[in-house]
Protein backbone atom coordinates (compact mmCIF):
# COMPACT_ATOMS: atom_id res chain seq x y z
CA MET A 1 -1.78 -64.26 -38.25
CA SER A 2 1.78 -66.44 -38.13
CA ASN A 3 4.04 -64.90 -35.66
CA CYS A 4 6.13 -63.57 -37.82
CA GLU A 5 3.75 -61.71 -39.44
CA THR A 6 2.59 -60.50 -36.52
CA PHE A 7 5.55 -58.71 -35.05
CA LEU A 8 6.73 -56.94 -37.90
CA THR A 9 3.54 -55.56 -38.57
CA SER A 10 3.99 -54.38 -35.13
CA LEU A 11 7.26 -53.25 -35.29
CA SER A 12 6.62 -51.25 -38.77
CA ALA A 13 3.76 -49.67 -37.68
CA GLN A 14 6.00 -48.12 -35.05
CA PHE A 15 8.85 -47.00 -37.92
CA ILE A 16 5.99 -45.45 -40.19
CA ARG A 17 4.91 -43.52 -37.42
CA TYR A 18 8.07 -42.80 -36.42
CA ARG A 19 9.79 -41.89 -39.83
CA LYS A 20 6.07 -39.57 -40.91
CA ALA A 21 6.92 -37.66 -37.24
CA CYS A 22 10.14 -37.14 -38.94
CA ASP A 23 8.80 -35.92 -42.46
CA CYS A 24 11.30 -38.56 -43.83
CA TRP A 25 7.97 -40.93 -44.94
CA ASN A 26 6.57 -41.35 -48.64
CA GLU A 27 4.27 -44.05 -48.80
CA LEU A 28 4.64 -44.18 -52.97
CA CYS A 29 8.29 -45.04 -52.59
CA TYR A 30 8.29 -46.77 -48.93
CA GLY A 31 5.35 -48.27 -48.70
CA ALA A 32 4.75 -51.21 -50.83
CA ASN A 33 8.16 -52.27 -50.57
CA LEU A 34 8.18 -52.74 -46.85
CA ARG A 35 4.76 -54.75 -47.44
CA ARG A 36 6.76 -56.78 -50.05
CA PHE A 37 9.44 -57.25 -47.34
CA ARG A 38 6.45 -58.49 -44.75
CA ARG A 39 4.74 -60.73 -46.80
CA TYR A 40 7.86 -62.44 -48.06
CA CYS A 41 9.06 -62.75 -44.22
CA ALA A 42 5.19 -64.65 -43.12
CA GLU A 43 5.35 -67.34 -45.86
CA HIS A 44 8.81 -68.35 -45.37
CA TYR A 45 9.71 -67.93 -41.95
CA SER A 46 6.24 -67.99 -40.10
CA ASP A 47 7.45 -69.59 -36.98
CA ALA A 48 9.83 -66.58 -36.50
CA THR A 49 9.26 -64.08 -33.84
CA GLU A 50 12.25 -61.63 -34.45
CA LEU A 51 14.13 -60.26 -37.44
CA THR A 52 17.14 -62.20 -38.37
CA GLN A 53 19.71 -61.76 -40.58
CA GLU A 54 18.85 -63.79 -42.95
CA MET A 55 15.27 -63.20 -43.15
CA VAL A 56 17.15 -59.44 -44.02
CA ASP A 57 19.58 -61.09 -46.49
CA CYS A 58 17.50 -63.34 -48.35
CA TRP A 59 14.87 -60.50 -49.52
CA CYS A 60 18.31 -58.08 -50.20
CA ALA A 61 19.50 -60.42 -52.34
CA LYS A 62 20.00 -59.06 -55.60
CA ARG A 63 17.96 -60.94 -58.31
CA GLU A 64 18.19 -61.67 -62.08
CA THR A 65 15.84 -58.73 -63.71
CA GLU A 66 17.60 -56.17 -61.20
CA THR A 67 19.64 -53.57 -62.15
CA ASN A 68 21.22 -51.68 -59.28
CA ASN A 69 19.00 -48.53 -59.39
CA SER A 70 16.11 -50.71 -59.04
CA ARG A 71 17.14 -52.79 -56.22
CA ARG A 72 18.12 -49.98 -54.53
CA ALA A 73 14.93 -48.90 -54.73
CA ARG A 74 13.88 -52.26 -53.41
CA ILE A 75 15.95 -52.24 -50.53
CA SER A 76 16.46 -49.18 -49.37
CA VAL A 77 13.56 -48.72 -46.61
CA ILE A 78 14.33 -51.92 -45.04
CA GLY A 79 17.55 -50.69 -44.58
CA ALA A 80 15.99 -47.75 -42.89
CA PHE A 81 13.48 -50.22 -41.25
CA VAL A 82 16.52 -52.34 -40.11
CA GLU A 83 18.54 -49.62 -38.91
CA TYR A 84 15.40 -48.19 -36.60
CA LEU A 85 15.48 -51.78 -34.84
CA ARG A 86 18.56 -51.89 -34.33
CA GLU A 87 19.09 -48.22 -32.98
CA ARG A 88 16.49 -49.61 -30.80
CA GLY A 89 17.93 -53.00 -29.33
CA LEU A 90 15.23 -54.38 -31.32
CA THR A 91 16.91 -56.54 -33.51
CA GLU A 92 20.97 -58.05 -33.65
CA ALA A 93 20.53 -58.09 -38.13
CA ASN A 94 22.63 -55.96 -40.54
CA GLY A 95 20.72 -53.51 -42.78
CA PRO A 96 21.52 -54.58 -46.23
CA VAL A 97 24.43 -52.79 -48.10
CA ILE A 98 22.56 -49.97 -50.71
CA PRO A 99 23.94 -50.02 -54.38
CA ARG A 100 25.41 -46.98 -55.20
CA LYS A 101 23.08 -45.12 -58.29
CA GLN A 102 23.93 -46.24 -61.56
CA ASN A 103 23.98 -43.33 -64.28
CA CYS A 104 21.41 -44.10 -67.07
CA ARG A 105 21.64 -43.35 -70.44
CA TYR A 106 17.96 -42.93 -71.37
CA ILE A 107 16.51 -41.46 -74.69
CA PRO A 108 12.71 -40.88 -74.58
CA HIS A 109 10.62 -41.25 -77.50
CA ALA A 110 10.68 -37.97 -79.40
CA PHE A 111 7.05 -37.33 -80.25
CA THR A 112 5.93 -35.97 -83.89
CA ILE A 113 2.69 -34.82 -84.14
CA GLU A 114 1.48 -37.50 -86.22
CA GLU A 115 2.07 -39.84 -83.44
CA LEU A 116 0.46 -37.44 -81.15
CA GLU A 117 -2.85 -37.18 -82.68
CA ASN A 118 -2.71 -40.76 -83.85
CA PHE A 119 -3.02 -42.01 -79.39
CA PHE A 120 -5.13 -39.24 -78.81
CA ARG A 121 -7.51 -40.43 -81.94
CA ALA A 122 -7.26 -43.83 -79.88
CA CYS A 123 -8.21 -42.66 -76.62
CA ASP A 124 -11.09 -40.88 -77.76
CA GLU A 125 -12.26 -43.83 -79.92
CA ILE A 126 -12.76 -46.21 -77.37
CA ASP A 127 -16.75 -47.55 -77.45
CA ALA A 128 -17.87 -48.57 -74.56
CA PRO A 129 -21.55 -50.74 -74.10
CA ALA A 130 -24.73 -48.38 -71.48
CA ASP A 131 -24.36 -51.76 -69.70
CA ALA A 132 -20.69 -52.26 -68.77
CA LEU A 133 -19.52 -50.34 -65.87
CA ALA A 134 -15.59 -50.67 -66.03
CA LEU A 135 -15.72 -50.05 -70.11
CA ILE A 136 -17.66 -46.99 -69.07
CA GLY A 137 -15.08 -45.77 -66.92
CA LYS A 138 -12.10 -46.71 -68.97
CA LYS A 139 -14.24 -44.30 -71.71
CA LEU A 140 -14.55 -41.34 -70.05
CA THR A 141 -10.97 -41.34 -68.12
CA VAL A 142 -8.10 -42.42 -70.46
CA PRO A 143 -9.07 -39.52 -72.85
CA VAL A 144 -9.37 -37.54 -69.86
CA LEU A 145 -6.10 -38.60 -67.88
CA PHE A 146 -3.68 -38.92 -70.92
CA ARG A 147 -4.30 -35.58 -71.90
CA LEU A 148 -3.53 -34.10 -68.30
CA LEU A 149 -0.15 -36.17 -68.23
CA TYR A 150 0.84 -34.56 -71.67
CA SER A 151 -0.08 -30.88 -70.36
CA THR A 152 1.61 -31.26 -67.27
CA GLY A 153 4.43 -33.03 -67.16
CA ILE A 154 3.25 -34.69 -63.74
CA ARG A 155 4.13 -38.27 -63.32
CA THR A 156 2.14 -41.20 -64.07
CA SER A 157 2.14 -41.95 -60.61
CA GLU A 158 1.01 -38.68 -59.73
CA VAL A 159 -1.59 -38.80 -61.91
CA ARG A 160 -3.22 -41.67 -60.69
CA GLN A 161 -3.19 -41.34 -56.98
CA LEU A 162 -4.40 -37.40 -57.78
CA ARG A 163 -7.35 -37.16 -55.19
CA VAL A 164 -10.60 -34.94 -55.79
CA ALA A 165 -9.62 -32.89 -52.85
CA ASP A 166 -6.53 -32.15 -54.08
CA VAL A 167 -8.15 -30.46 -58.08
CA ASP A 168 -9.29 -27.34 -57.26
CA LEU A 169 -11.53 -26.90 -60.84
CA VAL A 170 -12.32 -23.15 -59.42
CA HIS A 171 -8.53 -21.33 -60.17
CA GLY A 172 -7.21 -24.82 -61.96
CA VAL A 173 -4.92 -25.89 -59.40
CA LEU A 174 -3.35 -29.21 -58.88
CA THR A 175 -1.88 -29.79 -55.64
CA ILE A 176 -0.03 -32.80 -55.94
CA ARG A 177 0.83 -34.19 -52.32
CA ILE A 178 2.15 -38.33 -53.08
CA SER A 179 5.12 -37.66 -55.27
CA LYS A 180 8.85 -38.45 -55.79
CA GLY A 181 10.81 -36.70 -52.82
CA ASN A 182 7.96 -36.50 -50.27
CA ASN A 183 7.64 -32.21 -52.01
CA GLN A 184 4.40 -31.21 -51.78
CA ARG A 185 3.78 -28.99 -55.14
CA PHE A 186 1.23 -27.00 -57.42
CA VAL A 187 0.56 -27.37 -60.99
CA VAL A 188 -1.47 -24.91 -62.81
CA LEU A 189 -3.47 -26.51 -65.63
CA HIS A 190 -4.09 -25.05 -68.89
CA ASP A 191 -7.25 -23.46 -69.71
CA SER A 192 -8.53 -25.85 -72.57
CA MET A 193 -7.27 -28.87 -69.72
CA LEU A 194 -9.20 -26.85 -67.40
CA ILE A 195 -12.27 -27.31 -69.38
CA ILE A 196 -11.65 -31.02 -70.26
CA MET A 197 -11.02 -31.39 -66.50
CA ARG A 198 -14.60 -29.67 -65.57
CA GLN A 199 -16.27 -31.51 -67.81
CA TYR A 200 -15.29 -34.98 -67.12
CA ASP A 201 -16.14 -34.26 -63.40
CA SER A 202 -19.16 -33.13 -63.90
CA VAL A 203 -20.11 -36.33 -65.32
CA MET A 204 -18.18 -38.25 -63.10
CA LYS A 205 -20.36 -36.62 -60.19
CA ALA A 206 -23.36 -38.80 -61.67
CA HIS A 207 -21.55 -42.08 -61.84
CA CYS A 208 -19.38 -41.85 -58.27
CA PRO A 209 -20.77 -39.02 -56.82
CA ALA A 210 -18.66 -40.06 -53.03
CA ARG A 211 -15.56 -41.02 -55.35
CA GLU A 212 -11.88 -40.55 -53.34
CA TYR A 213 -9.72 -40.55 -56.60
CA PHE A 214 -9.98 -37.81 -59.12
CA PHE A 215 -9.47 -40.99 -62.20
CA PRO A 216 -11.75 -43.90 -59.89
CA SER A 217 -10.74 -47.36 -61.09
CA PRO A 218 -14.43 -49.89 -60.93
CA LEU A 219 -13.11 -50.75 -57.41
CA GLY A 220 -13.35 -47.39 -56.37
CA GLY A 221 -9.82 -46.88 -55.12
CA CYS A 222 -6.92 -45.63 -57.94
CA TYR A 223 -5.70 -47.89 -60.96
CA SER A 224 -2.69 -49.48 -60.63
CA ALA A 225 0.61 -48.75 -62.76
CA ASN A 226 0.00 -51.87 -64.63
CA TRP A 227 -3.12 -50.51 -66.38
CA LEU A 228 -1.83 -47.15 -67.10
CA GLY A 229 0.99 -49.41 -68.76
CA ASN A 230 -0.94 -51.66 -70.55
CA ILE A 231 -4.03 -49.05 -71.32
CA PHE A 232 -1.57 -46.63 -72.70
CA ASP A 233 0.19 -49.42 -74.90
CA GLU A 234 -3.27 -50.65 -76.41
CA MET A 235 -3.84 -47.05 -77.70
CA TRP A 236 -0.40 -46.18 -78.97
CA SER A 237 -0.06 -49.17 -80.78
CA LYS A 238 -3.43 -48.91 -82.10
CA TYR A 239 -2.17 -46.38 -85.10
CA ASN A 240 1.53 -45.90 -84.53
CA THR A 241 4.41 -48.73 -85.10
CA SER A 242 6.90 -47.32 -83.13
CA HIS A 243 7.69 -47.38 -79.29
CA ALA A 244 6.66 -45.43 -76.79
CA THR A 245 6.16 -45.40 -73.07
CA PRO A 246 3.58 -43.13 -71.11
CA TYR A 247 6.86 -41.64 -68.84
CA ASP A 248 7.66 -40.37 -72.25
CA LEU A 249 4.75 -37.78 -72.01
CA ARG A 250 6.44 -35.88 -69.06
CA HIS A 251 9.58 -36.02 -71.09
CA ASN A 252 7.62 -34.54 -74.47
CA TYR A 253 6.26 -31.91 -71.95
CA ALA A 254 9.84 -30.77 -70.39
CA VAL A 255 11.32 -30.48 -73.95
CA GLU A 256 7.97 -28.72 -75.90
CA ASN A 257 8.89 -26.36 -72.93
CA ILE A 258 12.32 -25.97 -73.56
CA ASN A 259 11.83 -25.68 -77.34
CA GLN A 260 10.13 -22.98 -76.84
CA TRP A 261 12.91 -20.91 -74.49
CA VAL A 262 15.02 -21.24 -77.89
CA GLY A 263 16.03 -17.62 -79.54
CA ASP A 264 15.27 -16.12 -76.38
CA GLY A 265 18.73 -15.45 -75.46
CA PHE A 266 20.58 -16.28 -72.06
CA GLU A 267 18.19 -15.26 -69.29
CA PHE A 268 15.98 -17.78 -68.86
CA PHE A 269 16.94 -19.17 -65.35
CA ASP A 270 13.37 -18.09 -64.33
CA LYS A 271 11.57 -20.51 -66.99
CA LEU A 272 14.20 -23.20 -65.88
CA VAL A 273 13.09 -22.44 -62.68
CA ALA A 274 9.65 -22.81 -62.98
CA LEU A 275 9.41 -25.45 -64.82
CA SER A 276 11.40 -27.33 -62.56
CA LYS A 277 9.39 -26.99 -59.30
CA SER A 278 6.38 -27.95 -61.54
CA MET A 279 7.93 -30.99 -62.46
CA GLY A 280 8.67 -31.84 -59.00
CA HIS A 281 12.54 -32.22 -59.46
CA ALA A 282 14.17 -31.68 -56.48
CA GLY A 283 16.23 -28.83 -58.24
CA VAL A 284 17.57 -27.48 -61.02
CA GLU A 285 20.17 -29.70 -61.54
CA GLY A 286 17.08 -32.85 -62.62
CA THR A 287 15.50 -30.69 -64.78
CA LYS A 288 18.69 -29.88 -66.74
CA TYR A 289 18.69 -33.33 -67.97
CA TYR A 290 16.46 -32.27 -70.96
CA PHE A 291 18.73 -29.55 -72.44
CA HIS A 292 20.56 -32.70 -73.67
CA LEU A 293 17.38 -33.87 -75.58
CA VAL A 294 17.19 -30.23 -77.07
CA PRO A 295 20.26 -29.80 -79.71
CA ALA A 296 19.21 -26.26 -80.70
CA LEU A 297 19.47 -24.86 -76.96
CA SER A 298 22.71 -25.79 -76.50
CA ASN A 299 24.13 -23.98 -79.67
CA VAL A 300 22.72 -21.07 -77.71
CA ILE A 301 24.58 -21.70 -75.06
CA GLU A 302 27.49 -22.12 -76.61
CA GLU A 303 27.00 -18.85 -78.70
CA VAL A 304 25.93 -16.31 -76.07
CA SER A 305 28.76 -18.38 -73.58
CA GLY A 306 31.75 -19.63 -75.63
CA ASP A 307 31.39 -22.63 -73.07
CA SER A 308 30.86 -26.21 -74.27
CA PHE A 309 27.18 -27.42 -73.50
CA ASP A 310 28.37 -30.34 -71.19
CA GLU A 311 30.68 -28.05 -69.41
CA ILE A 312 27.65 -26.16 -68.42
CA VAL A 313 25.35 -28.93 -68.22
CA PRO A 314 26.75 -31.83 -67.15
CA GLU A 315 25.04 -35.46 -67.61
CA VAL A 316 22.49 -35.88 -64.58
CA ASP A 317 21.37 -39.28 -63.40
CA TYR A 318 18.14 -40.33 -65.19
CA ALA A 319 16.88 -41.98 -61.28
CA THR A 320 17.13 -38.33 -60.26
CA LEU A 321 14.06 -37.36 -62.52
């Protein structure tokens, strides 16, 4: 282990313990980027014995492929790490200037019934030889994993990292512990999804009796984001020609729920709060983004209130969803 790797590993471990003690650590958001920063420093500054300004500046410099928002997500934990070290006299380096969030006007794919039927048909048609364990896992997992995304609206990262211990198949409740914003929450399964989950769990217990993750990879850990994206593309493009992403299933869940409110009148705040809590938004402001995707709802609001839609429901930063 190089000098640089040794001291950075020790300091980052202290930093993580401190942040966890303050309940300000989210492994999903911060852990990977801090590890990448350590590896970069160890590779390019192997003889370093302290964190320098050059190390911080080189890692945090904007990359050609980055937007302000993606750079912000990559370097924010480095800024917090440097601040922690400065407060304790462990570095003289200054943290990076964190770029401001940019509003992203992203319009998710609007699924048709035919497209969804095509997609899940492709998932159900996965074939696997009896002696191919990786393909057997794919055949078993893919149809269930994507149906869970479709029926609950949870994030793709949350479904990948869902642990067996956090799936209550008696009462049909998921405990989402690793989430954006470090907010634990509970998600109730639809009765039909609960039946599918129980069937899947029964089969997986026979194949992987000691599995940690509910959807385990062939190596025993959780599936990667790249795997999930690639397998979605493979299933989607088998019968569909339009473009869609796994995250669009989350958007679809929100929009389909909101669509059911149209015609119910203006008293839907309780439903809005419930949807916001289920989807893991920090507040109802994040959920309001989806109102822009349901034109009929804007007509209801305007008719009842006499005010314009955008005055009541302002445009929301997509990065908060």
